Amino acid sequence: MNIKMAHHTKIIYLDNNATTPVAPEVSSTIALCLRHNFGNPSSSHPFGEMAKNAVETGRQQVAILIHAKGEEIIFTSGGTEANNMAILGTALRFKKGHIISSSIEHPSVMQPLKHLESLGFQISYVPVDKYGIIDPEDIKKEIRRDTILITIMHSNNETGSIQPIAEAGKIARSSNIIFHCDAAQSVGKVPVNVKRLNVDLLTIVSHKFYGPKGVGALYVKSGTDLKKILYGASHERGMRPGTENVAGIVGLGEACSLARKELKDRVSGMKYLSGLLYEKLHRDIPGITLNGHRTKRLPNTLNLSFPNVSGAHLLDKLKNEIAASTGSACHEGGHTPSSVLKAMGLSDAEALSALRLSLGRTTTERQIEKAFRAIARACRNL
């Protein structure tokens, strides 16, 4: 298979919240695994034992990054499966009850909740303020005697706004309610400590921080009871049947180890560069607005509304210079206002004029300068 990439090399990639390139260190580790570690982890012979050891090493690497124990990590095919496992697995335990979530969750949380609603569960959605952040007191007000689960994302995929998860977790814990956090966008970008966050369940996605696609994990705090949603053999403590994706798990583990080493520099570097891009655009384009909190957001994420300009048209003008998004990649395909931005109080026009620029570990100051010039020029042309 001949994959041609040359025509992409000059395009500045600013869509790291959709997916990240696999880090060279990670791809090298995966390649070694694919060549030399092909055994089935369930086999008792040396090839199987090697594969099992590789899986367990990956499990420890994931656990260390989020300050968990290895036995608290269950590998999945990604964030959607992990979110479904957490939400449906909790609901099946109780068979009926009340669940609290927010108005800005990812579809992989919203859709399982809608499914549960069709089965008779009751769902309450707490609002967000103009910065896209919930008030933990709103969660407290929604708690009922039959509340069985609270599920709130750590950071929003469109705006990057970071939620007060530790405070929400305290509220859930004081009421003895299971607390799930979708941290797909946060792990590997900002520090995530499951103990400090007071979570029972937490979703991790490999391809959001330089690991391969098709693999993720669910942190399940020791003692947290989940019902299985898939049936088969006894892999992953009986929770996730199917032969393990050994190379993917090895890649996720390596991405976690890399994140541990680089996290401090990633945070400071991306914070500086995203701030630089925002200041340049803000000075050059009158009326530009930042959607999300100025400081309580992912250091790599800028969601900007451009006055009197369609985000989709702006993106089309920039397609040969910048790879970005008008929102979440999972919502692409139509020119409808982002439900996240609408929940924050933006008008249809403001929401439709938004562009999401998400930086990565290899983004350079020179690329930021070129991106600024391209965006400013496209805005003037439009």
Protein backbone atom coordinates (compact mmCIF):
# COMPACT_ATOMS: atom_id res chain seq x y z
CA MET A 1 0.00 0.00 0.00
CA ASN A 2 1.49 3.30 -1.11
CA ILE A 3 0.51 6.08 1.32
CA LYS A 4 1.32 9.52 -0.10
CA MET A 5 1.93 12.19 2.54
CA ALA A 6 4.15 14.78 0.80
CA HIS A 7 1.31 17.21 0.01
CA HIS A 8 0.42 17.37 3.72
CA THR A 9 3.85 18.32 5.01
CA LYS A 10 3.37 22.10 4.73
CA ILE A 11 -0.05 22.12 6.40
CA ILE A 12 0.10 23.20 10.04
CA TYR A 13 -1.71 20.63 12.16
CA LEU A 14 -3.87 22.34 14.81
CA ASP A 15 -6.49 19.64 15.35
CA ASN A 16 -4.89 17.68 18.18
CA ASN A 17 -8.17 17.43 20.12
CA ALA A 18 -9.54 15.33 17.26
CA THR A 19 -6.51 13.05 17.27
CA THR A 20 -2.75 13.28 17.71
CA PRO A 21 0.02 11.82 15.57
CA VAL A 22 1.57 8.72 17.10
CA ALA A 23 4.81 9.76 18.81
CA PRO A 24 7.94 8.25 17.21
CA GLU A 25 8.86 6.60 20.52
CA VAL A 26 5.42 4.99 20.63
CA SER A 27 5.39 3.81 17.00
CA SER A 28 8.86 2.26 17.45
CA THR A 29 7.66 0.35 20.52
CA ILE A 30 4.54 -0.85 18.68
CA ALA A 31 6.61 -1.98 15.68
CA LEU A 32 8.88 -4.04 17.93
CA CYS A 33 5.84 -5.60 19.59
CA LEU A 34 4.22 -6.47 16.25
CA ARG A 35 7.41 -8.12 15.02
CA HIS A 36 8.43 -10.02 18.13
CA ASN A 37 5.49 -10.29 20.52
CA PHE A 38 2.72 -11.97 18.52
CA GLY A 39 1.56 -14.47 21.16
CA ASN A 40 -1.91 -14.66 22.65
CA PRO A 41 -1.74 -13.43 26.29
CA SER A 42 -4.10 -16.25 27.30
CA SER A 43 -1.73 -18.97 26.04
CA SER A 44 0.37 -20.80 28.63
CA HIS A 45 3.48 -21.25 26.49
CA PRO A 46 6.41 -18.75 26.45
CA PHE A 47 4.97 -16.75 23.51
CA GLY A 48 1.75 -16.23 25.47
CA GLU A 49 3.64 -15.37 28.64
CA MET A 50 5.66 -12.71 26.78
CA ALA A 51 2.46 -11.15 25.45
CA LYS A 52 0.83 -11.25 28.88
CA ASN A 53 3.86 -9.56 30.42
CA ALA A 54 3.68 -6.85 27.77
CA VAL A 55 0.00 -6.24 28.57
CA GLU A 56 0.70 -6.06 32.30
CA THR A 57 3.57 -3.65 31.75
CA GLY A 58 1.21 -1.43 29.76
CA ARG A 59 -1.36 -1.68 32.55
CA GLN A 60 1.18 -0.48 35.11
CA GLN A 61 2.26 2.40 32.88
CA VAL A 62 -1.34 3.61 32.54
CA ALA A 63 -1.93 3.23 36.28
CA ILE A 64 1.20 5.17 37.24
CA LEU A 65 0.24 8.13 35.02
CA ILE A 66 -3.12 8.61 36.77
CA HIS A 67 -1.95 7.50 40.27
CA ALA A 68 -3.96 4.29 40.30
CA LYS A 69 -3.20 0.61 40.87
CA GLY A 70 -2.61 -1.77 37.98
CA GLU A 71 -5.56 -3.95 38.90
CA GLU A 72 -7.82 -0.89 38.61
CA ILE A 73 -7.17 -0.55 34.84
CA ILE A 74 -9.40 -2.29 32.28
CA PHE A 75 -8.35 -2.03 28.63
CA THR A 76 -10.98 -1.14 26.02
CA SER A 77 -11.14 -0.31 22.33
CA GLY A 78 -11.23 3.41 23.13
CA GLY A 79 -13.18 6.15 24.86
CA THR A 80 -16.62 5.25 23.53
CA GLU A 81 -16.42 1.73 24.88
CA ALA A 82 -14.98 2.93 28.20
CA ASN A 83 -17.80 5.47 28.64
CA ASN A 84 -20.43 2.90 27.73
CA MET A 85 -18.87 0.39 30.11
CA ALA A 86 -18.91 2.91 32.96
CA ILE A 87 -22.44 4.26 32.39
CA LEU A 88 -24.31 1.15 31.27
CA GLY A 89 -22.33 -1.07 33.65
CA THR A 90 -23.42 1.06 36.59
CA ALA A 91 -27.04 1.36 35.43
CA LEU A 92 -27.40 -2.38 34.86
CA ARG A 93 -26.34 -2.92 38.45
CA PHE A 94 -29.31 -0.93 39.73
CA LYS A 95 -31.83 -1.63 36.91
CA LYS A 96 -33.58 1.70 37.60
CA GLY A 97 -32.82 5.08 39.09
CA HIS A 98 -31.64 8.64 38.48
CA ILE A 99 -28.43 9.85 36.80
CA ILE A 100 -26.85 13.31 36.80
CA SER A 101 -24.72 14.61 33.93
CA SER A 102 -23.94 17.94 32.26
CA SER A 103 -25.32 19.66 29.16
CA ILE A 104 -21.98 19.58 27.31
CA GLU A 105 -20.96 15.91 27.39
CA HIS A 106 -19.48 14.01 24.45
CA PRO A 107 -21.90 11.87 22.35
CA SER A 108 -20.30 8.72 23.80
CA VAL A 109 -21.80 9.81 27.14
CA MET A 110 -24.97 11.47 25.85
CA GLN A 111 -26.08 8.52 23.71
CA PRO A 112 -25.83 5.85 26.46
CA LEU A 113 -27.77 8.22 28.72
CA LYS A 114 -30.49 8.63 26.08
CA HIS A 115 -30.64 4.86 25.73
CA LEU A 116 -31.07 4.49 29.50
CA GLU A 117 -33.78 7.15 29.44
CA SER A 118 -35.69 5.03 26.91
CA LEU A 119 -35.48 2.16 29.41
CA GLY A 120 -37.06 4.21 32.19
CA PHE A 121 -34.04 5.78 33.90
CA GLN A 122 -34.35 9.47 34.72
CA ILE A 123 -31.54 11.85 33.66
CA SER A 124 -30.82 15.36 34.95
CA TYR A 125 -28.45 17.63 33.02
CA VAL A 126 -26.82 20.44 34.99
CA PRO A 127 -26.14 23.65 33.03
CA VAL A 128 -22.83 25.39 32.42
CA ASP A 129 -21.93 29.06 32.80
CA LYS A 130 -20.71 31.35 29.99
CA TYR A 131 -17.28 29.73 30.25
CA GLY A 132 -18.68 26.23 29.80
CA ILE A 133 -18.11 25.21 33.43
CA ILE A 134 -20.58 23.55 35.77
CA ASP A 135 -21.32 24.66 39.33
CA PRO A 136 -20.90 21.72 41.75
CA GLU A 137 -23.75 23.17 43.80
CA ASP A 138 -26.06 22.43 40.87
CA ILE A 139 -25.08 18.77 41.15
CA LYS A 140 -25.83 18.84 44.86
CA LYS A 141 -29.29 20.30 44.17
CA GLU A 142 -30.10 17.54 41.67
CA ILE A 143 -29.21 14.61 43.96
CA ARG A 144 -32.19 12.44 44.92
CA ARG A 145 -32.63 9.35 47.03
CA ASP A 146 -32.58 7.22 43.87
CA THR A 147 -29.52 8.87 42.24
CA ILE A 148 -27.16 6.06 41.22
CA LEU A 149 -24.53 7.79 39.05
CA ILE A 150 -22.97 11.16 38.33
CA THR A 151 -21.00 11.45 35.07
CA ILE A 152 -19.12 14.67 34.22
CA MET A 153 -16.31 15.19 31.69
CA HIS A 154 -12.93 16.44 32.93
CA SER A 155 -12.37 18.88 30.07
CA ASN A 156 -14.50 19.78 27.10
CA ASN A 157 -13.32 18.64 23.68
CA GLU A 158 -14.49 21.83 21.95
CA THR A 159 -13.58 24.63 24.36
CA GLY A 160 -11.03 22.91 26.59
CA SER A 161 -12.78 24.24 29.70
CA ILE A 162 -11.83 22.15 32.74
CA GLN A 163 -14.56 21.15 35.18
CA PRO A 164 -14.34 21.23 39.00
CA ILE A 165 -14.14 17.43 39.15
CA ALA A 166 -12.58 17.15 42.62
CA GLU A 167 -15.42 19.19 44.16
CA ALA A 168 -18.07 17.23 42.26
CA GLY A 169 -16.40 14.01 43.36
CA LYS A 170 -16.58 15.05 47.01
CA ILE A 171 -20.30 15.67 46.65
CA ALA A 172 -20.81 12.27 45.01
CA ARG A 173 -18.73 10.51 47.66
CA SER A 174 -20.54 12.19 50.56
CA SER A 175 -23.83 10.88 49.11
CA ASN A 176 -22.42 7.42 48.31
CA ILE A 177 -23.06 7.86 44.58
CA ILE A 178 -20.83 6.35 41.86
CA PHE A 179 -18.87 9.11 40.07
CA HIS A 180 -17.60 8.69 36.50
CA CYS A 181 -15.35 11.16 34.71
CA ASP A 182 -14.68 11.16 30.97
CA ALA A 183 -11.06 12.36 30.89
CA ALA A 184 -10.49 11.56 27.21
CA GLN A 185 -9.22 15.06 26.40
CA SER A 186 -7.25 15.60 29.61
CA VAL A 187 -5.03 12.59 30.23
CA GLY A 188 -1.59 13.32 28.78
CA LYS A 189 -2.32 17.06 28.45
CA VAL A 190 -2.74 18.06 32.11
CA PRO A 191 -2.10 16.23 35.40
CA VAL A 192 -4.84 13.71 36.22
CA ASN A 193 -4.79 12.12 39.68
CA VAL A 194 -7.74 9.81 40.35
CA LYS A 195 -7.28 10.05 44.11
CA ARG A 196 -7.38 13.85 44.17
CA LEU A 197 -10.32 13.90 41.76
CA ASN A 198 -12.42 11.60 44.00
CA VAL A 199 -13.56 9.52 41.02
CA ASP A 200 -14.73 5.91 40.94
CA LEU A 201 -14.51 5.54 37.16
CA LEU A 202 -12.35 7.44 34.66
CA THR A 203 -12.04 7.16 30.88
CA ILE A 204 -8.66 7.27 29.11
CA VAL A 205 -8.14 7.46 25.32
CA SER A 206 -4.80 6.60 23.73
CA HIS A 207 -4.99 8.56 20.47
CA LYS A 208 -5.64 11.87 22.24
CA PHE A 209 -2.07 11.90 23.60
CA TYR A 210 0.23 10.41 20.95
CA GLY A 211 -0.77 6.76 21.27
CA PRO A 212 -2.47 4.55 18.67
CA LYS A 213 -6.16 4.56 17.81
CA GLY A 214 -8.37 1.62 18.75
CA VAL A 215 -7.27 1.34 22.38
CA GLY A 216 -8.21 3.02 25.63
CA ALA A 217 -8.82 2.20 29.25
CA LEU A 218 -11.32 2.55 32.06
CA TYR A 219 -10.09 3.16 35.58
CA VAL A 220 -12.33 1.28 38.01
CA LYS A 221 -11.60 2.10 41.63
CA SER A 222 -11.09 -0.97 43.80
CA GLY A 223 -14.43 -2.04 45.28
CA THR A 224 -16.52 -0.37 42.54
CA ASP A 225 -19.04 -2.86 41.19
CA LEU A 226 -19.83 -2.82 37.47
CA LYS A 227 -22.00 -5.19 35.47
CA LYS A 228 -20.43 -6.40 32.24
CA ILE A 229 -21.93 -5.12 28.98
CA LEU A 230 -20.06 -7.58 26.74
CA TYR A 231 -20.14 -11.34 27.10
CA GLY A 232 -17.47 -13.87 26.19
CA ALA A 233 -14.31 -15.19 27.83
CA SER A 234 -12.79 -13.95 31.07
CA HIS A 235 -10.32 -11.34 29.78
CA GLU A 236 -9.82 -8.10 31.74
CA ARG A 237 -11.27 -9.44 34.99
CA GLY A 238 -14.25 -10.74 33.01
CA MET A 239 -15.29 -7.19 32.09
CA ARG A 240 -13.99 -6.99 28.53
CA PRO A 241 -13.89 -10.29 26.62
CA GLY A 242 -11.80 -10.75 23.52
CA THR A 243 -8.11 -11.32 22.85
CA GLU A 244 -6.19 -8.28 24.01
CA ASN A 245 -4.87 -5.76 21.51
CA VAL A 246 -1.29 -6.34 22.69
CA ALA A 247 0.43 -3.89 20.34
CA GLY A 248 -2.18 -1.20 21.04
CA ILE A 249 -1.85 -1.68 24.79
CA VAL A 250 1.94 -1.53 24.53
CA GLY A 251 1.56 1.71 22.56
CA LEU A 252 -0.84 3.19 25.12
CA GLY A 253 1.57 2.25 27.90
CA GLU A 254 4.49 3.90 26.11
CA ALA A 255 2.37 7.03 25.48
CA CYS A 256 1.64 7.16 29.23
CA SER A 257 5.34 6.83 30.10
CA LEU A 258 6.17 9.57 27.60
CA ALA A 259 3.47 11.81 29.09
CA ARG A 260 4.91 11.33 32.57
CA LYS A 261 8.32 12.54 31.37
CA GLU A 262 7.06 15.43 29.26
CA LEU A 263 3.90 16.63 30.97
CA LYS A 264 5.37 19.67 32.72
CA ASP A 265 7.03 20.87 29.52
CA ARG A 266 3.92 20.08 27.44
CA VAL A 267 1.73 22.19 29.71
CA SER A 268 4.07 25.19 29.81
CA GLY A 269 4.96 25.02 26.11
CA MET A 270 1.41 24.72 24.81
CA LYS A 271 0.14 27.33 27.26
CA TYR A 272 2.73 29.79 25.95
CA LEU A 273 2.06 29.07 22.28
CA SER A 274 -1.75 29.08 22.54
CA GLY A 275 -1.54 32.35 24.48
CA LEU A 276 0.73 33.81 21.80
CA LEU A 277 -1.66 32.83 19.01
CA TYR A 278 -4.66 34.23 20.87
CA GLU A 279 -2.95 37.56 21.61
CA LYS A 280 -1.84 37.98 17.98
CA LEU A 281 -5.32 37.21 16.64
CA HIS A 282 -7.02 39.34 19.29
CA ARG A 283 -4.88 42.36 18.39
CA ASP A 284 -5.34 41.92 14.65
CA ILE A 285 -9.02 40.98 14.38
CA PRO A 286 -11.43 43.34 16.21
CA GLY A 287 -14.30 41.59 17.95
CA ILE A 288 -12.74 38.13 18.17
CA THR A 289 -13.91 36.28 21.30
CA LEU A 290 -12.53 33.34 23.26
CA ASN A 291 -15.10 30.63 23.98
CA GLY A 292 -14.17 29.00 27.26
CA HIS A 293 -12.36 30.06 30.40
CA ARG A 294 -9.22 32.17 30.04
CA THR A 295 -7.22 30.04 32.51
CA LYS A 296 -9.35 27.04 33.52
CA ARG A 297 -8.94 25.23 30.23
CA LEU A 298 -6.59 22.83 28.48
CA PRO A 299 -3.32 24.61 27.69
CA ASN A 300 -3.45 23.54 24.04
CA THR A 301 -7.02 24.57 23.16
CA LEU A 302 -8.38 27.78 21.64
CA ASN A 303 -12.03 28.03 20.61
CA LEU A 304 -12.53 31.40 18.93
CA SER A 305 -15.53 33.13 17.37
CA PHE A 306 -14.69 35.43 14.47
CA PRO A 307 -17.09 38.34 13.91
CA ASN A 308 -19.17 38.20 10.71
CA VAL A 309 -17.34 35.10 9.48
CA SER A 310 -18.57 31.52 9.16
CA GLY A 311 -16.24 29.06 10.87
CA ALA A 312 -16.92 26.52 8.12
CA HIS A 313 -16.07 29.02 5.38
CA LEU A 314 -12.96 30.13 7.26
CA LEU A 315 -11.86 26.52 7.61
CA ASP A 316 -12.41 25.98 3.89
CA LYS A 317 -10.26 29.01 3.07
CA LEU A 318 -7.49 27.64 5.30
CA LYS A 319 -7.63 24.00 4.18
CA ASN A 320 -4.31 24.14 2.31
CA GLU A 321 -2.53 25.91 5.18
CA ILE A 322 -4.06 24.81 8.49
CA ALA A 323 -5.78 21.64 9.69
CA ALA A 324 -8.30 22.64 12.37
CA SER A 325 -11.96 22.13 13.25
CA THR A 326 -15.18 24.03 13.71
CA GLY A 327 -15.87 21.93 16.81
CA SER A 328 -15.53 18.30 17.74
CA ALA A 329 -14.53 15.93 14.95
CA CYS A 330 -17.31 13.62 16.13
CA HIS A 331 -19.88 16.26 15.14
CA GLU A 332 -18.48 17.19 11.71
CA GLY A 333 -20.56 17.05 8.57
CA GLY A 334 -23.16 19.78 9.00
CA HIS A 335 -23.32 23.54 9.52
CA THR A 336 -25.41 23.47 12.68
CA PRO A 337 -24.47 25.44 15.79
CA SER A 338 -22.41 23.53 18.34
CA SER A 339 -24.62 22.32 21.20
CA VAL A 340 -21.72 22.99 23.58
CA LEU A 341 -21.43 26.64 22.54
CA LYS A 342 -25.21 27.03 22.60
CA ALA A 343 -25.27 25.65 26.16
CA MET A 344 -22.76 28.39 27.07
CA GLY A 345 -25.21 31.04 25.87
CA LEU A 346 -23.77 31.85 22.45
CA SER A 347 -26.15 32.87 19.69
CA ASP A 348 -26.45 30.77 16.54
CA ALA A 349 -24.31 33.31 14.66
CA GLU A 350 -21.60 33.32 17.34
CA ALA A 351 -21.54 29.53 17.50
CA LEU A 352 -21.40 29.16 13.72
CA SER A 353 -18.46 31.59 13.56
CA ALA A 354 -16.32 29.44 15.88
CA LEU A 355 -13.05 27.73 15.05
CA ARG A 356 -11.22 25.27 17.31
CA LEU A 357 -7.44 25.38 17.22
CA SER A 358 -5.77 22.66 19.29
CA LEU A 359 -1.98 22.55 19.54
CA GLY A 360 0.30 19.56 20.06
CA ARG A 361 3.68 18.62 21.49
CA THR A 362 5.44 19.35 18.19
CA THR A 363 3.77 22.71 17.47
CA THR A 364 6.43 25.40 17.06
CA GLU A 365 6.49 29.17 17.48
CA ARG A 366 7.21 29.51 13.77
CA GLN A 367 4.06 27.50 12.98
CA ILE A 368 2.04 29.74 15.31
CA GLU A 369 3.30 32.82 13.46
CA LYS A 370 2.39 31.27 10.09
CA ALA A 371 -1.01 30.17 11.40
CA PHE A 372 -1.75 33.67 12.69
CA ARG A 373 -0.91 35.22 9.33
CA ALA A 374 -3.00 32.68 7.43
CA ILE A 375 -6.06 33.11 9.68
CA ALA A 376 -5.83 36.92 9.65
CA ARG A 377 -5.51 36.94 5.86
CA ALA A 378 -8.45 34.55 5.41
CA CYS A 379 -10.63 36.65 7.72
CA ARG A 380 -9.87 39.79 5.73
CA ASN A 381 -10.67 37.99 2.46
CA LEU A 382 -13.99 36.74 3.81
